[in-house]
PDB file of all heavy atoms in Angstrom:
ATOM      1  N   ASP A   1      -9.347 -23.479  -7.475  1.00  0.00           N
ATOM      2  CA  ASP A   1      -9.595 -22.339  -6.597  1.00  0.00           C
ATOM      3  C   ASP A   1      -8.573 -22.297  -5.476  1.00  0.00           C
ATOM      4  O   ASP A   1      -8.529 -21.317  -4.661  1.00  0.00           O
ATOM      5  CB  ASP A   1     -11.074 -22.463  -5.923  1.00  0.00           C
ATOM      6  CG  ASP A   1     -12.161 -22.396  -6.951  1.00  0.00           C
ATOM      7  OD1 ASP A   1     -12.005 -21.470  -7.876  1.00  0.00           O
ATOM      8  OD2 ASP A   1     -13.081 -23.178  -6.881  1.00  0.00           O
ATOM      9  N   THR A   2      -7.763 -23.256  -5.419  1.00  0.00           N
ATOM     10  CA  THR A   2      -6.707 -23.263  -4.378  1.00  0.00           C
ATOM     11  C   THR A   2      -5.752 -22.095  -4.513  1.00  0.00           C
ATOM     12  O   THR A   2      -5.178 -21.836  -5.599  1.00  0.00           O
ATOM     13  CB  THR A   2      -5.861 -24.604  -4.391  1.00  0.00           C
ATOM     14  OG1 THR A   2      -6.705 -25.716  -4.116  1.00  0.00           O
ATOM     15  CG2 THR A   2      -4.683 -24.513  -3.467  1.00  0.00           C
ATOM     16  N   ALA A   3      -5.641 -21.287  -3.454  1.00  0.00           N
ATOM     17  CA  ALA A   3      -4.820 -20.077  -3.465  1.00  0.00           C
ATOM     18  C   ALA A   3      -4.819 -19.424  -2.116  1.00  0.00           C
ATOM     19  O   ALA A   3      -5.540 -19.854  -1.213  1.00  0.00           O
ATOM     20  CB  ALA A   3      -5.423 -19.104  -4.513  1.00  0.00           C
ATOM     21  N   ILE A   4      -4.008 -18.415  -1.956  1.00  0.00           N
ATOM     22  CA  ILE A   4      -4.127 -17.562  -0.823  1.00  0.00           C
ATOM     23  C   ILE A   4      -5.116 -16.399  -1.235  1.00  0.00           C
ATOM     24  O   ILE A   4      -4.935 -15.803  -2.313  1.00  0.00           O
ATOM     25  CB  ILE A   4      -2.779 -16.947  -0.445  1.00  0.00           C
ATOM     26  CG1 ILE A   4      -1.862 -18.067  -0.051  1.00  0.00           C
ATOM     27  CG2 ILE A   4      -2.982 -16.013   0.772  1.00  0.00           C
ATOM     28  CD1 ILE A   4      -0.402 -17.625   0.278  1.00  0.00           C
ATOM     29  N   TYR A   5      -6.131 -16.215  -0.408  1.00  0.00           N
ATOM     30  CA  TYR A   5      -7.089 -15.209  -0.698  1.00  0.00           C
ATOM     31  C   TYR A   5      -6.862 -14.011   0.235  1.00  0.00           C
ATOM     32  O   TYR A   5      -6.667 -14.104   1.431  1.00  0.00           O
ATOM     33  CB  TYR A   5      -8.522 -15.802  -0.355  1.00  0.00           C
ATOM     34  CG  TYR A   5      -8.946 -16.708  -1.447  1.00  0.00           C
ATOM     35  CD1 TYR A   5      -8.345 -18.004  -1.629  1.00  0.00           C
ATOM     36  CD2 TYR A   5     -10.007 -16.334  -2.308  1.00  0.00           C
ATOM     37  CE1 TYR A   5      -8.798 -18.801  -2.701  1.00  0.00           C
ATOM     38  CE2 TYR A   5     -10.489 -17.231  -3.292  1.00  0.00           C
ATOM     39  CZ  TYR A   5      -9.854 -18.450  -3.489  1.00  0.00           C
ATOM     40  OH  TYR A   5     -10.273 -19.247  -4.464  1.00  0.00           O
ATOM     41  N   TYR A   6      -6.903 -12.909  -0.475  1.00  0.00           N
ATOM     42  CA  TYR A   6      -6.539 -11.585   0.211  1.00  0.00           C
ATOM     43  C   TYR A   6      -7.738 -10.655   0.202  1.00  0.00           C
ATOM     44  O   TYR A   6      -8.385 -10.486  -0.860  1.00  0.00           O
ATOM     45  CB  TYR A   6      -5.400 -10.931  -0.468  1.00  0.00           C
ATOM     46  CG  TYR A   6      -4.084 -11.568  -0.425  1.00  0.00           C
ATOM     47  CD1 TYR A   6      -3.747 -12.493  -1.419  1.00  0.00           C
ATOM     48  CD2 TYR A   6      -3.208 -11.415   0.642  1.00  0.00           C
ATOM     49  CE1 TYR A   6      -2.453 -13.178  -1.382  1.00  0.00           C
ATOM     50  CE2 TYR A   6      -1.976 -12.074   0.694  1.00  0.00           C
ATOM     51  CZ  TYR A   6      -1.618 -12.947  -0.309  1.00  0.00           C
ATOM     52  OH  TYR A   6      -0.405 -13.615  -0.324  1.00  0.00           O
ATOM     53  N   CYS A   7      -8.021 -10.064   1.335  1.00  0.00           N
ATOM     54  CA  CYS A   7      -9.026  -9.054   1.363  1.00  0.00           C
ATOM     55  C   CYS A   7      -8.437  -7.726   0.989  1.00  0.00           C
ATOM     56  O   CYS A   7      -7.293  -7.428   1.242  1.00  0.00           O
ATOM     57  CB  CYS A   7      -9.537  -8.933   2.818  1.00  0.00           C
ATOM     58  SG  CYS A   7     -10.869  -7.736   3.108  1.00  0.00           S
ATOM     59  N   ASN A   8      -9.184  -6.885   0.296  1.00  0.00           N
ATOM     60  CA  ASN A   8      -8.761  -5.603  -0.226  1.00  0.00           C
ATOM     61  C   ASN A   8      -9.761  -4.531   0.095  1.00  0.00           C
ATOM     62  O   ASN A   8     -10.955  -4.741  -0.043  1.00  0.00           O
ATOM     63  CB  ASN A   8      -8.503  -5.737  -1.723  1.00  0.00           C
ATOM     64  CG  ASN A   8      -8.185  -4.382  -2.365  1.00  0.00           C
ATOM     65  OD1 ASN A   8      -9.010  -3.670  -2.836  1.00  0.00           O
ATOM     66  ND2 ASN A   8      -6.859  -4.082  -2.395  1.00  0.00           N
ATOM     67  N   TYR A   9      -9.231  -3.400   0.505  1.00  0.00           N
ATOM     68  CA  TYR A   9     -10.066  -2.217   0.724  1.00  0.00           C
ATOM     69  C   TYR A   9      -9.517  -1.077  -0.112  1.00  0.00           C
ATOM     70  O   TYR A   9      -8.274  -0.834  -0.105  1.00  0.00           O
ATOM     71  CB  TYR A   9      -9.978  -1.815   2.218  1.00  0.00           C
ATOM     72  CG  TYR A   9     -10.507  -0.468   2.561  1.00  0.00           C
ATOM     73  CD1 TYR A   9     -11.785  -0.269   2.997  1.00  0.00           C
ATOM     74  CD2 TYR A   9      -9.612   0.670   2.487  1.00  0.00           C
ATOM     75  CE1 TYR A   9     -12.218   1.039   3.323  1.00  0.00           C
ATOM     76  CE2 TYR A   9     -10.108   1.901   2.719  1.00  0.00           C
ATOM     77  CZ  TYR A   9     -11.413   2.061   3.192  1.00  0.00           C
ATOM     78  OH  TYR A   9     -11.908   3.358   3.489  1.00  0.00           O
ATOM     79  N   ARG A  10     -10.363  -0.399  -0.830  1.00  0.00           N
ATOM     80  CA  ARG A  10      -9.969   0.705  -1.670  1.00  0.00           C
ATOM     81  C   ARG A  10     -10.951   1.949  -1.428  1.00  0.00           C
ATOM     82  O   ARG A  10     -12.127   1.751  -1.420  1.00  0.00           O
ATOM     83  CB  ARG A  10      -9.981   0.385  -3.150  1.00  0.00           C
ATOM     84  CG  ARG A  10      -8.893  -0.545  -3.626  1.00  0.00           C
ATOM     85  CD  ARG A  10      -8.945  -0.769  -5.113  1.00  0.00           C
ATOM     86  NE  ARG A  10     -10.045  -1.486  -5.548  1.00  0.00           N
ATOM     87  CZ  ARG A  10     -11.012  -1.008  -6.366  1.00  0.00           C
ATOM     88  NH1 ARG A  10     -10.998   0.274  -6.768  1.00  0.00           N
ATOM     89  NH2 ARG A  10     -12.019  -1.751  -6.762  1.00  0.00           N
ATOM     90  N   SER A  11     -10.346   3.089  -1.337  1.00  0.00           N
ATOM     91  CA  SER A  11     -11.096   4.349  -1.352  1.00  0.00           C
ATOM     92  C   SER A  11     -10.206   5.409  -1.823  1.00  0.00           C
ATOM     93  O   SER A  11      -9.049   5.170  -2.168  1.00  0.00           O
ATOM     94  CB  SER A  11     -11.552   4.635   0.165  1.00  0.00           C
ATOM     95  OG  SER A  11     -10.518   5.184   0.902  1.00  0.00           O
ATOM     96  N   ILE A  12     -10.698   6.677  -1.870  1.00  0.00           N
ATOM     97  CA  ILE A  12      -9.869   7.743  -2.372  1.00  0.00           C
ATOM     98  C   ILE A  12      -8.772   8.064  -1.389  1.00  0.00           C
ATOM     99  O   ILE A  12      -7.824   8.737  -1.663  1.00  0.00           O
ATOM    100  CB  ILE A  12     -10.725   9.044  -2.540  1.00  0.00           C
ATOM    101  CG1 ILE A  12     -11.359   9.500  -1.253  1.00  0.00           C
ATOM    102  CG2 ILE A  12     -11.680   8.825  -3.681  1.00  0.00           C
ATOM    103  CD1 ILE A  12     -12.008  10.861  -1.415  1.00  0.00           C
ATOM    104  N   LYS A  13      -8.870   7.443  -0.174  1.00  0.00           N
ATOM    105  CA  LYS A  13      -7.879   7.676   0.877  1.00  0.00           C
ATOM    106  C   LYS A  13      -6.662   6.708   0.729  1.00  0.00           C
ATOM    107  O   LYS A  13      -5.648   6.884   1.387  1.00  0.00           O
ATOM    108  CB  LYS A  13      -8.457   7.518   2.273  1.00  0.00           C
ATOM    109  CG  LYS A  13      -9.544   8.573   2.534  1.00  0.00           C
ATOM    110  CD  LYS A  13      -8.994   9.965   2.612  1.00  0.00           C
ATOM    111  CE  LYS A  13     -10.102  10.980   3.022  1.00  0.00           C
ATOM    112  NZ  LYS A  13      -9.534  12.345   3.173  1.00  0.00           N
ATOM    113  N   GLY A  14      -6.892   5.628   0.003  1.00  0.00           N
ATOM    114  CA  GLY A  14      -5.863   4.640  -0.156  1.00  0.00           C
ATOM    115  C   GLY A  14      -6.286   3.242  -0.325  1.00  0.00           C
ATOM    116  O   GLY A  14      -7.484   2.926  -0.376  1.00  0.00           O
ATOM    117  N   THR A  15      -5.355   2.344  -0.482  1.00  0.00           N
ATOM    118  CA  THR A  15      -5.621   0.883  -0.749  1.00  0.00           C
ATOM    119  C   THR A  15      -4.901   0.076   0.322  1.00  0.00           C
ATOM    120  O   THR A  15      -3.682   0.343   0.638  1.00  0.00           O
ATOM    121  CB  THR A  15      -5.163   0.418  -2.116  1.00  0.00           C
ATOM    122  OG1 THR A  15      -5.877   1.176  -3.106  1.00  0.00           O
ATOM    123  CG2 THR A  15      -5.386  -1.086  -2.303  1.00  0.00           C
ATOM    124  N   TYR A  16      -5.605  -0.893   0.931  1.00  0.00           N
ATOM    125  CA  TYR A  16      -5.049  -1.708   1.972  1.00  0.00           C
ATOM    126  C   TYR A  16      -5.314  -3.208   1.688  1.00  0.00           C
ATOM    127  O   TYR A  16      -6.330  -3.556   1.016  1.00  0.00           O
ATOM    128  CB  TYR A  16      -5.583  -1.344   3.366  1.00  0.00           C
ATOM    129  CG  TYR A  16      -5.294   0.094   3.728  1.00  0.00           C
ATOM    130  CD1 TYR A  16      -6.118   1.123   3.284  1.00  0.00           C
ATOM    131  CD2 TYR A  16      -4.164   0.377   4.450  1.00  0.00           C
ATOM    132  CE1 TYR A  16      -5.786   2.454   3.633  1.00  0.00           C
ATOM    133  CE2 TYR A  16      -3.841   1.687   4.762  1.00  0.00           C
ATOM    134  CZ  TYR A  16      -4.693   2.735   4.388  1.00  0.00           C
ATOM    135  OH  TYR A  16      -4.380   4.017   4.719  1.00  0.00           O
ATOM    136  N   TRP A  17      -4.409  -4.062   2.256  1.00  0.00           N
ATOM    137  CA  TRP A  17      -4.584  -5.503   2.015  1.00  0.00           C
ATOM    138  C   TRP A  17      -4.564  -6.248   3.372  1.00  0.00           C
ATOM    139  O   TRP A  17      -3.912  -5.788   4.300  1.00  0.00           O
ATOM    140  CB  TRP A  17      -3.370  -6.027   1.196  1.00  0.00           C
ATOM    141  CG  TRP A  17      -3.361  -5.469  -0.238  1.00  0.00           C
ATOM    142  CD1 TRP A  17      -2.769  -4.419  -0.690  1.00  0.00           C
ATOM    143  CD2 TRP A  17      -4.035  -6.122  -1.329  1.00  0.00           C
ATOM    144  NE1 TRP A  17      -2.998  -4.331  -2.009  1.00  0.00           N
ATOM    145  CE2 TRP A  17      -3.733  -5.344  -2.458  1.00  0.00           C
ATOM    146  CE3 TRP A  17      -4.818  -7.279  -1.504  1.00  0.00           C
ATOM    147  CZ2 TRP A  17      -4.179  -5.627  -3.756  1.00  0.00           C
ATOM    148  CZ3 TRP A  17      -5.297  -7.636  -2.710  1.00  0.00           C
ATOM    149  CH2 TRP A  17      -5.032  -6.782  -3.887  1.00  0.00           C
ATOM    150  N   GLY A  18      -5.350  -7.304   3.410  1.00  0.00           N
ATOM    151  CA  GLY A  18      -5.231  -8.208   4.547  1.00  0.00           C
ATOM    152  C   GLY A  18      -4.020  -9.093   4.433  1.00  0.00           C
ATOM    153  O   GLY A  18      -3.259  -9.030   3.478  1.00  0.00           O
ATOM    154  N   GLN A  19      -3.856  -9.908   5.442  1.00  0.00           N
ATOM    155  CA  GLN A  19      -2.589 -10.747   5.453  1.00  0.00           C
ATOM    156  C   GLN A  19      -2.744 -12.037   4.624  1.00  0.00           C
ATOM    157  O   GLN A  19      -1.744 -12.704   4.370  1.00  0.00           O
ATOM    158  CB  GLN A  19      -2.273 -11.135   6.947  1.00  0.00           C
ATOM    159  CG  GLN A  19      -3.158 -12.286   7.504  1.00  0.00           C
ATOM    160  CD  GLN A  19      -4.545 -11.849   7.922  1.00  0.00           C
ATOM    161  OE1 GLN A  19      -4.934 -10.681   7.785  1.00  0.00           O
ATOM    162  NE2 GLN A  19      -5.336 -12.786   8.431  1.00  0.00           N
ATOM    163  N   GLY A  20      -3.942 -12.349   4.189  1.00  0.00           N
ATOM    164  CA  GLY A  20      -4.199 -13.490   3.374  1.00  0.00           C
ATOM    165  C   GLY A  20      -4.636 -14.738   4.206  1.00  0.00           C
ATOM    166  O   GLY A  20      -4.238 -14.896   5.293  1.00  0.00           O
ATOM    167  N   THR A  21      -5.459 -15.515   3.609  1.00  0.00           N
ATOM    168  CA  THR A  21      -5.887 -16.814   4.199  1.00  0.00           C
ATOM    169  C   THR A  21      -5.813 -17.868   3.146  1.00  0.00           C
ATOM    170  O   THR A  21      -6.220 -17.679   2.011  1.00  0.00           O
ATOM    171  CB  THR A  21      -7.305 -16.598   4.786  1.00  0.00           C
ATOM    172  OG1 THR A  21      -7.634 -17.788   5.532  1.00  0.00           O
ATOM    173  CG2 THR A  21      -8.342 -16.272   3.742  1.00  0.00           C
ATOM    174  N   GLN A  22      -5.289 -18.977   3.498  1.00  0.00           N
ATOM    175  CA  GLN A  22      -5.146 -20.081   2.608  1.00  0.00           C
ATOM    176  C   GLN A  22      -6.418 -20.811   2.364  1.00  0.00           C
ATOM    177  O   GLN A  22      -7.077 -21.254   3.342  1.00  0.00           O
ATOM    178  CB  GLN A  22      -4.048 -21.059   3.096  1.00  0.00           C
ATOM    179  CG  GLN A  22      -3.794 -22.246   2.199  1.00  0.00           C
ATOM    180  CD  GLN A  22      -3.147 -21.899   0.882  1.00  0.00           C
ATOM    181  OE1 GLN A  22      -2.131 -21.133   0.903  1.00  0.00           O
ATOM    182  NE2 GLN A  22      -3.677 -22.406  -0.200  1.00  0.00           N
ATOM    183  N   VAL A  23      -6.796 -21.070   1.126  1.00  0.00           N
ATOM    184  CA  VAL A  23      -7.855 -21.952   0.717  1.00  0.00           C
ATOM    185  C   VAL A  23      -7.290 -23.068  -0.049  1.00  0.00           C
ATOM    186  O   VAL A  23      -6.600 -22.851  -1.081  1.00  0.00           O
ATOM    187  CB  VAL A  23      -8.916 -21.199  -0.036  1.00  0.00           C
ATOM    188  CG1 VAL A  23      -9.988 -22.180  -0.645  1.00  0.00           C
ATOM    189  CG2 VAL A  23      -9.607 -20.145   0.836  1.00  0.00           C
ATOM    190  N   THR A  24      -7.528 -24.316   0.330  1.00  0.00           N
ATOM    191  CA  THR A  24      -7.012 -25.432  -0.339  1.00  0.00           C
ATOM    192  C   THR A  24      -8.175 -26.368  -0.717  1.00  0.00           C
ATOM    193  O   THR A  24      -8.914 -26.761   0.182  1.00  0.00           O
ATOM    194  CB  THR A  24      -5.999 -26.217   0.459  1.00  0.00           C
ATOM    195  OG1 THR A  24      -4.952 -25.350   0.792  1.00  0.00           O
ATOM    196  CG2 THR A  24      -5.451 -27.412  -0.289  1.00  0.00           C
ATOM    197  N   VAL A  25      -8.242 -26.703  -1.988  1.00  0.00           N
ATOM    198  CA  VAL A  25      -9.393 -27.590  -2.414  1.00  0.00           C
ATOM    199  C   VAL A  25      -8.762 -28.851  -2.954  1.00  0.00           C
ATOM    200  O   VAL A  25      -8.014 -28.805  -3.904  1.00  0.00           O
ATOM    201  CB  VAL A  25     -10.251 -26.899  -3.436  1.00  0.00           C
ATOM    202  CG1 VAL A  25     -11.453 -27.756  -3.873  1.00  0.00           C
ATOM    203  CG2 VAL A  25     -10.743 -25.528  -2.987  1.00  0.00           C
TER     204      VAL A  25
END
């Protein structure tokens, strides 16, 4: 599961991403 996790928002108006947060297991 170790990875950079990104938040994502999608609508008919567009798609946006967060800056990412590191998760290390």
